PDB file of N, CA and C in Angstrom:
ATOM      1  N   MET A   1       0.761  -1.151  -0.007  1.00  0.00           N
ATOM      2  CA  MET A   1      -0.047  -0.037  -0.014  1.00  0.00           C
ATOM      3  C   MET A   1       0.954   1.316  -0.048  1.00  0.00           C
ATOM      4  N   THR A   2       0.517   2.248  -0.780  1.00  0.00           N
ATOM      5  CA  THR A   2       1.373   3.488  -0.768  1.00  0.00           C
ATOM      6  C   THR A   2       0.927   4.298   0.350  1.00  0.00           C
ATOM      7  N   LEU A   3       1.656   5.368   0.749  1.00  0.00           N
ATOM      8  CA  LEU A   3       1.297   6.178   1.652  1.00  0.00           C
ATOM      9  C   LEU A   3       0.115   7.005   1.508  1.00  0.00           C
ATOM     10  N   GLU A   4      -0.146   7.358   0.291  1.00  0.00           N
ATOM     11  CA  GLU A   4      -1.143   8.160  -0.130  1.00  0.00           C
ATOM     12  C   GLU A   4      -2.387   7.190   0.056  1.00  0.00           C
ATOM     13  N   ALA A   5      -2.480   5.920  -0.394  1.00  0.00           N
ATOM     14  CA  ALA A   5      -3.457   5.071  -0.190  1.00  0.00           C
ATOM     15  C   ALA A   5      -3.743   4.846   1.277  1.00  0.00           C
ATOM     16  N   PHE A   6      -2.801   4.631   2.060  1.00  0.00           N
ATOM     17  CA  PHE A   6      -2.800   4.529   3.556  1.00  0.00           C
ATOM     18  C   PHE A   6      -3.666   5.727   4.145  1.00  0.00           C
ATOM     19  N   LYS A   7      -3.167   6.997   3.729  1.00  0.00           N
ATOM     20  CA  LYS A   7      -3.812   8.173   4.197  1.00  0.00           C
ATOM     21  C   LYS A   7      -5.211   8.211   3.811  1.00  0.00           C
ATOM     22  N   ASP A   8      -5.572   7.780   2.617  1.00  0.00           N
ATOM     23  CA  ASP A   8      -6.853   7.784   2.092  1.00  0.00           C
ATOM     24  C   ASP A   8      -7.808   6.917   3.038  1.00  0.00           C
ATOM     25  N   THR A   9      -7.246   5.860   3.594  1.00  0.00           N
ATOM     26  CA  THR A   9      -8.198   5.112   4.461  1.00  0.00           C
ATOM     27  C   THR A   9      -8.508   5.744   5.718  1.00  0.00           C
ATOM     28  N   LEU A  10      -7.973   6.956   6.151  1.00  0.00           N
ATOM     29  CA  LEU A  10      -8.242   7.648   7.385  1.00  0.00           C
ATOM     30  C   LEU A  10      -9.661   8.122   7.338  1.00  0.00           C
ATOM     31  N   ILE A  11     -10.320   8.109   6.344  1.00  0.00           N
ATOM     32  CA  ILE A  11     -11.742   8.561   6.211  1.00  0.00           C
ATOM     33  C   ILE A  11     -12.745   7.401   6.811  1.00  0.00           C
ATOM     34  N   LEU A  12     -12.118   6.197   6.893  1.00  0.00           N
ATOM     35  CA  LEU A  12     -12.948   5.129   7.449  1.00  0.00           C
ATOM     36  C   LEU A  12     -13.069   5.122   9.011  1.00  0.00           C
ATOM     37  N   ASP A  13     -14.063   4.272   9.397  1.00  0.00           N
ATOM     38  CA  ASP A  13     -14.323   4.319  10.864  1.00  0.00           C
ATOM     39  C   ASP A  13     -13.187   3.393  11.577  1.00  0.00           C
ATOM     40  N   TYR A  14     -12.766   2.243  10.803  1.00  0.00           N
ATOM     41  CA  TYR A  14     -11.826   1.331  11.365  1.00  0.00           C
ATOM     42  C   TYR A  14     -10.795   1.060  10.333  1.00  0.00           C
ATOM     43  N   PRO A  15      -9.553   0.675  10.794  1.00  0.00           N
ATOM     44  CA  PRO A  15      -8.529   0.545   9.890  1.00  0.00           C
ATOM     45  C   PRO A  15      -8.608  -0.732   8.916  1.00  0.00           C
ATOM     46  N   PRO A  16      -8.286  -0.738   7.777  1.00  0.00           N
ATOM     47  CA  PRO A  16      -8.288  -1.918   7.023  1.00  0.00           C
ATOM     48  C   PRO A  16      -7.946  -3.310   7.595  1.00  0.00           C
ATOM     49  N   LYS A  17      -8.617  -4.226   7.434  1.00  0.00           N
ATOM     50  CA  LYS A  17      -8.331  -5.463   8.244  1.00  0.00           C
ATOM     51  C   LYS A  17      -6.819  -6.133   7.857  1.00  0.00           C
ATOM     52  N   GLU A  18      -6.372  -5.709   6.611  1.00  0.00           N
ATOM     53  CA  GLU A  18      -5.171  -6.350   6.274  1.00  0.00           C
ATOM     54  C   GLU A  18      -3.833  -5.657   6.781  1.00  0.00           C
ATOM     55  N   LEU A  19      -4.030  -4.621   7.518  1.00  0.00           N
ATOM     56  CA  LEU A  19      -3.058  -4.106   8.117  1.00  0.00           C
ATOM     57  C   LEU A  19      -2.355  -4.665   9.297  1.00  0.00           C
ATOM     58  N   SER A  20      -1.051  -4.649   9.555  1.00  0.00           N
ATOM     59  CA  SER A  20      -0.262  -5.277  10.589  1.00  0.00           C
ATOM     60  C   SER A  20      -0.802  -4.405  11.865  1.00  0.00           C
ATOM     61  N   VAL A  21      -0.522  -4.988  12.914  1.00  0.00           N
ATOM     62  CA  VAL A  21      -0.862  -4.246  14.228  1.00  0.00           C
ATOM     63  C   VAL A  21       0.003  -3.015  14.403  1.00  0.00           C
ATOM     64  N   HIS A  22       1.195  -2.957  13.772  1.00  0.00           N
ATOM     65  CA  HIS A  22       2.014  -1.657  13.780  1.00  0.00           C
ATOM     66  C   HIS A  22       1.375  -0.608  12.930  1.00  0.00           C
ATOM     67  N   LEU A  23       0.904  -0.907  11.665  1.00  0.00           N
ATOM     68  CA  LEU A  23       0.315  -0.067  10.859  1.00  0.00           C
ATOM     69  C   LEU A  23      -1.073   0.362  11.444  1.00  0.00           C
ATOM     70  N   GLN A  24      -1.755  -0.552  12.059  1.00  0.00           N
ATOM     71  CA  GLN A  24      -3.035  -0.210  12.747  1.00  0.00           C
ATOM     72  C   GLN A  24      -2.740   0.987  13.830  1.00  0.00           C
ATOM     73  N   ALA A  25      -1.617   0.749  14.490  1.00  0.00           N
ATOM     74  CA  ALA A  25      -1.320   1.729  15.545  1.00  0.00           C
ATOM     75  C   ALA A  25      -1.102   3.229  14.950  1.00  0.00           C
ATOM     76  N   LEU A  26      -0.408   3.160  13.783  1.00  0.00           N
ATOM     77  CA  LEU A  26      -0.104   4.466  13.160  1.00  0.00           C
ATOM     78  C   LEU A  26      -1.407   5.034  12.677  1.00  0.00           C
ATOM     79  N   TRP A  27      -2.292   4.025  12.077  1.00  0.00           N
ATOM     80  CA  TRP A  27      -3.536   4.544  11.638  1.00  0.00           C
ATOM     81  C   TRP A  27      -4.211   5.229  12.725  1.00  0.00           C
ATOM     82  N   TYR A  28      -4.563   4.542  13.855  1.00  0.00           N
ATOM     83  CA  TYR A  28      -5.093   5.083  15.007  1.00  0.00           C
ATOM     84  C   TYR A  28      -4.572   6.427  15.440  1.00  0.00           C
ATOM     85  N   ASP A  29      -3.259   6.514  15.534  1.00  0.00           N
ATOM     86  CA  ASP A  29      -2.490   7.778  15.893  1.00  0.00           C
ATOM     87  C   ASP A  29      -2.890   8.939  14.942  1.00  0.00           C
ATOM     88  N   ALA A  30      -2.981   8.536  13.699  1.00  0.00           N
ATOM     89  CA  ALA A  30      -3.251   9.599  12.731  1.00  0.00           C
ATOM     90  C   ALA A  30      -4.741  10.145  12.872  1.00  0.00           C
ATOM     91  N   LYS A  31      -5.534   9.291  13.416  1.00  0.00           N
ATOM     92  CA  LYS A  31      -6.904   9.594  13.529  1.00  0.00           C
ATOM     93  C   LYS A  31      -7.200  10.462  14.930  1.00  0.00           C
ATOM     94  N   GLY A  32      -6.119  10.503  15.745  1.00  0.00           N
ATOM     95  CA  GLY A  32      -6.140  11.297  16.988  1.00  0.00           C
ATOM     96  C   GLY A  32      -6.501  10.339  18.124  1.00  0.00           C
ATOM     97  N   GLU A  33      -6.400   9.060  17.868  1.00  0.00           N
ATOM     98  CA  GLU A  33      -6.761   8.019  18.836  1.00  0.00           C
ATOM     99  C   GLU A  33      -5.472   7.542  19.563  1.00  0.00           C
ATOM    100  N   TRP A  34      -4.685   8.278  20.192  1.00  0.00           N
ATOM    101  CA  TRP A  34      -3.477   7.927  20.893  1.00  0.00           C
ATOM    102  C   TRP A  34      -3.662   6.666  21.738  1.00  0.00           C
ATOM    103  N   ASN A  35      -4.615   6.608  22.567  1.00  0.00           N
ATOM    104  CA  ASN A  35      -4.721   5.635  23.454  1.00  0.00           C
ATOM    105  C   ASN A  35      -5.073   4.180  22.820  1.00  0.00           C
ATOM    106  N   LEU A  36      -5.900   4.228  21.750  1.00  0.00           N
ATOM    107  CA  LEU A  36      -6.080   3.155  20.970  1.00  0.00           C
ATOM    108  C   LEU A  36      -4.725   2.470  20.312  1.00  0.00           C
ATOM    109  N   ALA A  37      -3.966   3.545  19.751  1.00  0.00           N
ATOM    110  CA  ALA A  37      -2.669   3.137  19.117  1.00  0.00           C
ATOM    111  C   ALA A  37      -1.942   2.559  20.257  1.00  0.00           C
ATOM    112  N   HIS A  38      -1.689   3.198  21.303  1.00  0.00           N
ATOM    113  CA  HIS A  38      -0.812   2.649  22.365  1.00  0.00           C
ATOM    114  C   HIS A  38      -1.240   1.410  22.843  1.00  0.00           C
ATOM    115  N   GLY A  39      -2.522   1.093  22.976  1.00  0.00           N
ATOM    116  CA  GLY A  39      -3.080  -0.123  23.527  1.00  0.00           C
ATOM    117  C   GLY A  39      -2.843  -1.275  22.441  1.00  0.00           C
ATOM    118  N   LEU A  40      -2.702  -1.118  21.134  1.00  0.00           N
ATOM    119  CA  LEU A  40      -2.163  -1.993  20.266  1.00  0.00           C
ATOM    120  C   LEU A  40      -0.790  -2.547  20.329  1.00  0.00           C
ATOM    121  N   ILE A  41       0.110  -1.888  20.825  1.00  0.00           N
ATOM    122  CA  ILE A  41       1.405  -2.083  20.925  1.00  0.00           C
ATOM    123  C   ILE A  41       2.076  -2.204  22.154  1.00  0.00           C
ATOM    124  N   ASP A  42       1.490  -1.650  23.176  1.00  0.00           N
ATOM    125  CA  ASP A  42       2.262  -1.539  24.556  1.00  0.00           C
ATOM    126  C   ASP A  42       2.664  -2.811  25.098  1.00  0.00           C
ATOM    127  N   HIS A  43       2.080  -3.882  24.706  1.00  0.00           N
ATOM    128  CA  HIS A  43       2.218  -5.226  25.306  1.00  0.00           C
ATOM    129  C   HIS A  43       3.205  -6.067  24.379  1.00  0.00           C
ATOM    130  N   LEU A  44       3.674  -5.487  23.325  1.00  0.00           N
ATOM    131  CA  LEU A  44       4.444  -6.327  22.365  1.00  0.00           C
ATOM    132  C   LEU A  44       5.887  -6.020  22.589  1.00  0.00           C
ATOM    133  N   ASN A  45       6.677  -7.013  22.358  1.00  0.00           N
ATOM    134  CA  ASN A  45       8.156  -6.960  22.673  1.00  0.00           C
ATOM    135  C   ASN A  45       9.049  -6.934  21.467  1.00  0.00           C
ATOM    136  N   ASP A  46       8.583  -6.775  20.164  1.00  0.00           N
ATOM    137  CA  ASP A  46       9.473  -6.811  19.082  1.00  0.00           C
ATOM    138  C   ASP A  46       9.982  -5.372  18.789  1.00  0.00           C
ATOM    139  N   ALA A  47      11.069  -5.344  18.039  1.00  0.00           N
ATOM    140  CA  ALA A  47      11.748  -3.991  17.832  1.00  0.00           C
ATOM    141  C   ALA A  47      10.668  -2.990  17.120  1.00  0.00           C
ATOM    142  N   ASN A  48       9.944  -3.470  16.115  1.00  0.00           N
ATOM    143  CA  ASN A  48       9.076  -2.592  15.514  1.00  0.00           C
ATOM    144  C   ASN A  48       7.993  -1.940  16.411  1.00  0.00           C
ATOM    145  N   SER A  49       7.550  -2.826  17.435  1.00  0.00           N
ATOM    146  CA  SER A  49       6.535  -2.387  18.259  1.00  0.00           C
ATOM    147  C   SER A  49       7.254  -1.359  19.184  1.00  0.00           C
ATOM    148  N   ALA A  50       8.529  -1.659  19.625  1.00  0.00           N
ATOM    149  CA  ALA A  50       9.122  -0.816  20.482  1.00  0.00           C
ATOM    150  C   ALA A  50       9.382   0.692  19.858  1.00  0.00           C
ATOM    151  N   HIS A  51       9.582   0.581  18.461  1.00  0.00           N
ATOM    152  CA  HIS A  51       9.735   1.779  17.751  1.00  0.00           C
ATOM    153  C   HIS A  51       8.641   2.637  17.846  1.00  0.00           C
ATOM    154  N   VAL A  52       7.517   1.905  17.486  1.00  0.00           N
ATOM    155  CA  VAL A  52       6.122   2.626  17.271  1.00  0.00           C
ATOM    156  C   VAL A  52       5.823   3.103  18.686  1.00  0.00           C
ATOM    157  N   HIS A  53       6.034   2.375  19.777  1.00  0.00           N
ATOM    158  CA  HIS A  53       5.738   2.670  21.172  1.00  0.00           C
ATOM    159  C   HIS A  53       6.559   3.935  21.569  1.00  0.00           C
ATOM    160  N   ALA A  54       7.812   3.987  21.146  1.00  0.00           N
ATOM    161  CA  ALA A  54       8.779   5.166  21.313  1.00  0.00           C
ATOM    162  C   ALA A  54       8.181   6.442  20.595  1.00  0.00           C
ATOM    163  N   TYR A  55       7.858   6.329  19.407  1.00  0.00           N
ATOM    164  CA  TYR A  55       7.139   7.441  18.676  1.00  0.00           C
ATOM    165  C   TYR A  55       6.051   7.879  19.404  1.00  0.00           C
ATOM    166  N   LEU A  56       5.079   7.062  19.872  1.00  0.00           N
ATOM    167  CA  LEU A  56       3.919   7.488  20.497  1.00  0.00           C
ATOM    168  C   LEU A  56       4.247   8.115  21.856  1.00  0.00           C
ATOM    169  N   HIS A  57       5.195   7.806  22.561  1.00  0.00           N
ATOM    170  CA  HIS A  57       5.555   8.536  23.692  1.00  0.00           C
ATOM    171  C   HIS A  57       6.275   9.865  23.466  1.00  0.00           C
ATOM    172  N   ARG A  58       6.965   9.859  22.405  1.00  0.00           N
ATOM    173  CA  ARG A  58       7.686  11.107  21.979  1.00  0.00           C
ATOM    174  C   ARG A  58       6.289  12.082  21.610  1.00  0.00           C
ATOM    175  N   LYS A  59       5.436  11.646  20.813  1.00  0.00           N
ATOM    176  CA  LYS A  59       4.427  12.449  20.522  1.00  0.00           C
ATOM    177  C   LYS A  59       3.559  13.021  21.692  1.00  0.00           C
ATOM    178  N   GLU A  60       3.479  12.183  22.663  1.00  0.00           N
ATOM    179  CA  GLU A  60       2.696  12.473  23.879  1.00  0.00           C
ATOM    180  C   GLU A  60       3.429  13.454  24.682  1.00  0.00           C
ATOM    181  N   GLY A  61       4.688  13.615  24.445  1.00  0.00           N
ATOM    182  CA  GLY A  61       5.750  14.579  25.244  1.00  0.00           C
ATOM    183  C   GLY A  61       6.542  13.970  26.469  1.00  0.00           C
ATOM    184  N   ASP A  62       6.178  12.554  26.550  1.00  0.00           N
ATOM    185  CA  ASP A  62       6.962  11.866  27.676  1.00  0.00           C
ATOM    186  C   ASP A  62       8.283  11.420  27.057  1.00  0.00           C
ATOM    187  N   LEU A  63       9.285  12.280  27.085  1.00  0.00           N
ATOM    188  CA  LEU A  63      10.587  12.038  26.486  1.00  0.00           C
ATOM    189  C   LEU A  63      11.285  11.053  27.215  1.00  0.00           C
ATOM    190  N   TRP A  64      11.328  10.981  28.286  1.00  0.00           N
ATOM    191  CA  TRP A  64      11.942   9.870  29.286  1.00  0.00           C
ATOM    192  C   TRP A  64      11.568   8.572  28.750  1.00  0.00           C
ATOM    193  N   ASN A  65      10.269   8.328  28.740  1.00  0.00           N
ATOM    194  CA  ASN A  65       9.655   7.121  28.347  1.00  0.00           C
ATOM    195  C   ASN A  65       9.994   6.687  26.823  1.00  0.00           C
ATOM    196  N   ALA A  66       9.922   7.709  25.972  1.00  0.00           N
ATOM    197  CA  ALA A  66      10.285   7.595  24.674  1.00  0.00           C
ATOM    198  C   ALA A  66      11.616   7.155  24.600  1.00  0.00           C
ATOM    199  N   ALA A  67      12.525   7.692  25.261  1.00  0.00           N
ATOM    200  CA  ALA A  67      13.893   7.369  25.154  1.00  0.00           C
ATOM    201  C   ALA A  67      14.322   5.923  25.431  1.00  0.00           C
ATOM    202  N   TYR A  68      13.402   5.478  26.481  1.00  0.00           N
ATOM    203  CA  TYR A  68      13.408   4.040  26.990  1.00  0.00           C
ATOM    204  C   TYR A  68      13.166   3.134  25.835  1.00  0.00           C
ATOM    205  N   TRP A  69      11.972   3.408  25.183  1.00  0.00           N
ATOM    206  CA  TRP A  69      11.530   2.456  24.174  1.00  0.00           C
ATOM    207  C   TRP A  69      12.384   2.715  22.717  1.00  0.00           C
ATOM    208  N   TYR A  70      12.843   3.964  22.455  1.00  0.00           N
ATOM    209  CA  TYR A  70      13.929   3.938  21.371  1.00  0.00           C
ATOM    210  C   TYR A  70      15.074   3.021  21.541  1.00  0.00           C
ATOM    211  N   ASN A  71      15.504   3.028  22.786  1.00  0.00           N
ATOM    212  CA  ASN A  71      16.731   2.126  23.263  1.00  0.00           C
ATOM    213  C   ASN A  71      16.240   0.657  23.136  1.00  0.00           C
ATOM    214  N   ARG A  72      14.971   0.340  23.343  1.00  0.00           N
ATOM    215  CA  ARG A  72      14.563  -1.036  23.182  1.00  0.00           C
ATOM    216  C   ARG A  72      14.457  -1.413  21.699  1.00  0.00           C
ATOM    217  N   ALA A  73      14.159  -0.399  21.000  1.00  0.00           N
ATOM    218  CA  ALA A  73      14.145  -0.507  19.570  1.00  0.00           C
ATOM    219  C   ALA A  73      15.392  -0.466  18.740  1.00  0.00           C
ATOM    220  N   LYS A  74      16.495  -0.243  19.721  1.00  0.00           N
ATOM    221  CA  LYS A  74      17.783  -0.076  19.001  1.00  0.00           C
ATOM    222  C   LYS A  74      17.831   1.107  17.917  1.00  0.00           C
ATOM    223  N   GLN A  75      17.132   2.067  18.380  1.00  0.00           N
ATOM    224  CA  GLN A  75      17.019   3.382  17.504  1.00  0.00           C
ATOM    225  C   GLN A  75      17.472   4.655  18.421  1.00  0.00           C
ATOM    226  N   VAL A  76      17.883   5.632  17.812  1.00  0.00           N
ATOM    227  CA  VAL A  76      18.086   6.903  18.406  1.00  0.00           C
ATOM    228  C   VAL A  76      16.957   7.691  18.237  1.00  0.00           C
ATOM    229  N   MET A  77      16.491   8.553  19.316  1.00  0.00           N
ATOM    230  CA  MET A  77      15.487   9.472  19.184  1.00  0.00           C
ATOM    231  C   MET A  77      15.718  10.469  18.148  1.00  0.00           C
ATOM    232  N   PRO A  78      14.861  10.441  17.100  1.00  0.00           N
ATOM    233  CA  PRO A  78      15.146  11.301  15.925  1.00  0.00           C
ATOM    234  C   PRO A  78      14.917  12.790  16.296  1.00  0.00           C
ATOM    235  N   GLN A  79      15.513  13.664  15.499  1.00  0.00           N
ATOM    236  CA  GLN A  79      15.447  15.226  15.652  1.00  0.00           C
ATOM    237  C   GLN A  79      14.430  15.680  14.675  1.00  0.00           C
ATOM    238  N   LYS A  80      13.998  14.848  13.794  1.00  0.00           N
ATOM    239  CA  LYS A  80      12.913  15.256  12.752  1.00  0.00           C
ATOM    240  C   LYS A  80      11.564  15.421  13.402  1.00  0.00           C
ATOM    241  N   SER A  81      10.760  16.046  12.654  1.00  0.00           N
ATOM    242  CA  SER A  81       9.315  16.163  13.103  1.00  0.00           C
ATOM    243  C   SER A  81       8.552  14.919  13.268  1.00  0.00           C
ATOM    244  N   LEU A  82       7.617  14.983  14.123  1.00  0.00           N
ATOM    245  CA  LEU A  82       6.772  13.745  14.386  1.00  0.00           C
ATOM    246  C   LEU A  82       6.088  13.263  13.068  1.00  0.00           C
ATOM    247  N   ASP A  83       5.652  14.287  12.323  1.00  0.00           N
ATOM    248  CA  ASP A  83       4.967  13.857  10.962  1.00  0.00           C
ATOM    249  C   ASP A  83       6.021  13.015  10.066  1.00  0.00           C
ATOM    250  N   GLU A  84       7.299  13.616  10.013  1.00  0.00           N
ATOM    251  CA  GLU A  84       8.352  12.939   9.289  1.00  0.00           C
ATOM    252  C   GLU A  84       8.632  11.520   9.894  1.00  0.00           C
ATOM    253  N   GLU A  85       8.660  11.418  11.161  1.00  0.00           N
ATOM    254  CA  GLU A  85       8.999  10.116  11.836  1.00  0.00           C
ATOM    255  C   GLU A  85       7.672   9.239  11.560  1.00  0.00           C
ATOM    256  N   TRP A  86       6.547   9.593  11.554  1.00  0.00           N
ATOM    257  CA  TRP A  86       5.284   8.930  11.234  1.00  0.00           C
ATOM    258  C   TRP A  86       5.446   8.335   9.931  1.00  0.00           C
ATOM    259  N   GLU A  87       5.777   9.093   9.000  1.00  0.00           N
ATOM    260  CA  GLU A  87       5.802   8.658   7.630  1.00  0.00           C
ATOM    261  C   GLU A  87       7.027   7.579   7.463  1.00  0.00           C
ATOM    262  N   ASP A  88       8.192   7.902   8.160  1.00  0.00           N
ATOM    263  CA  ASP A  88       9.280   6.910   8.096  1.00  0.00           C
ATOM    264  C   ASP A  88       8.881   5.543   8.565  1.00  0.00           C
ATOM    265  N   LEU A  89       8.169   5.770   9.753  1.00  0.00           N
ATOM    266  CA  LEU A  89       7.673   4.382  10.299  1.00  0.00           C
ATOM    267  C   LEU A  89       6.697   3.573   9.391  1.00  0.00           C
ATOM    268  N   PHE A  90       5.841   4.355   8.718  1.00  0.00           N
ATOM    269  CA  PHE A  90       4.895   3.793   7.657  1.00  0.00           C
ATOM    270  C   PHE A  90       5.837   2.987   6.511  1.00  0.00           C
ATOM    271  N   TYR A  91       6.787   3.716   6.106  1.00  0.00           N
ATOM    272  CA  TYR A  91       7.566   2.989   5.062  1.00  0.00           C
ATOM    273  C   TYR A  91       8.400   1.805   5.636  1.00  0.00           C
ATOM    274  N   ARG A  92       8.773   1.923   6.822  1.00  0.00           N
ATOM    275  CA  ARG A  92       9.676   0.820   7.458  1.00  0.00           C
ATOM    276  C   ARG A  92       8.656  -0.473   7.727  1.00  0.00           C
ATOM    277  N   LEU A  93       7.434  -0.172   8.006  1.00  0.00           N
ATOM    278  CA  LEU A  93       6.637  -1.156   8.446  1.00  0.00           C
ATOM    279  C   LEU A  93       5.822  -1.789   7.327  1.00  0.00           C
ATOM    280  N   ASN A  94       5.772  -1.100   6.253  1.00  0.00           N
ATOM    281  CA  ASN A  94       4.787  -1.515   5.210  1.00  0.00           C
ATOM    282  C   ASN A  94       5.375  -2.549   4.264  1.00  0.00           C
TER     283      ASN A  94
END
């Protein structure tokens, strides 16, 4: 799925069923549903989940918690905008 097609699904009430849990989390985040996004990945232990988890805490403004999750994902907290990181995550996870 292209980024444009993914963004086009944001008019729906629910994410497309074929999306991975990581992309579902990004989808809910884009819809302003931080708690739903967080709930999808906060209990998962893989590196991709840790990266999405880190992004969500960075967006929340909890930079200490974000740093913890970036470390778990073996990533450095980016200096780019949240929108840029969201798009980078889409491409990485798609």
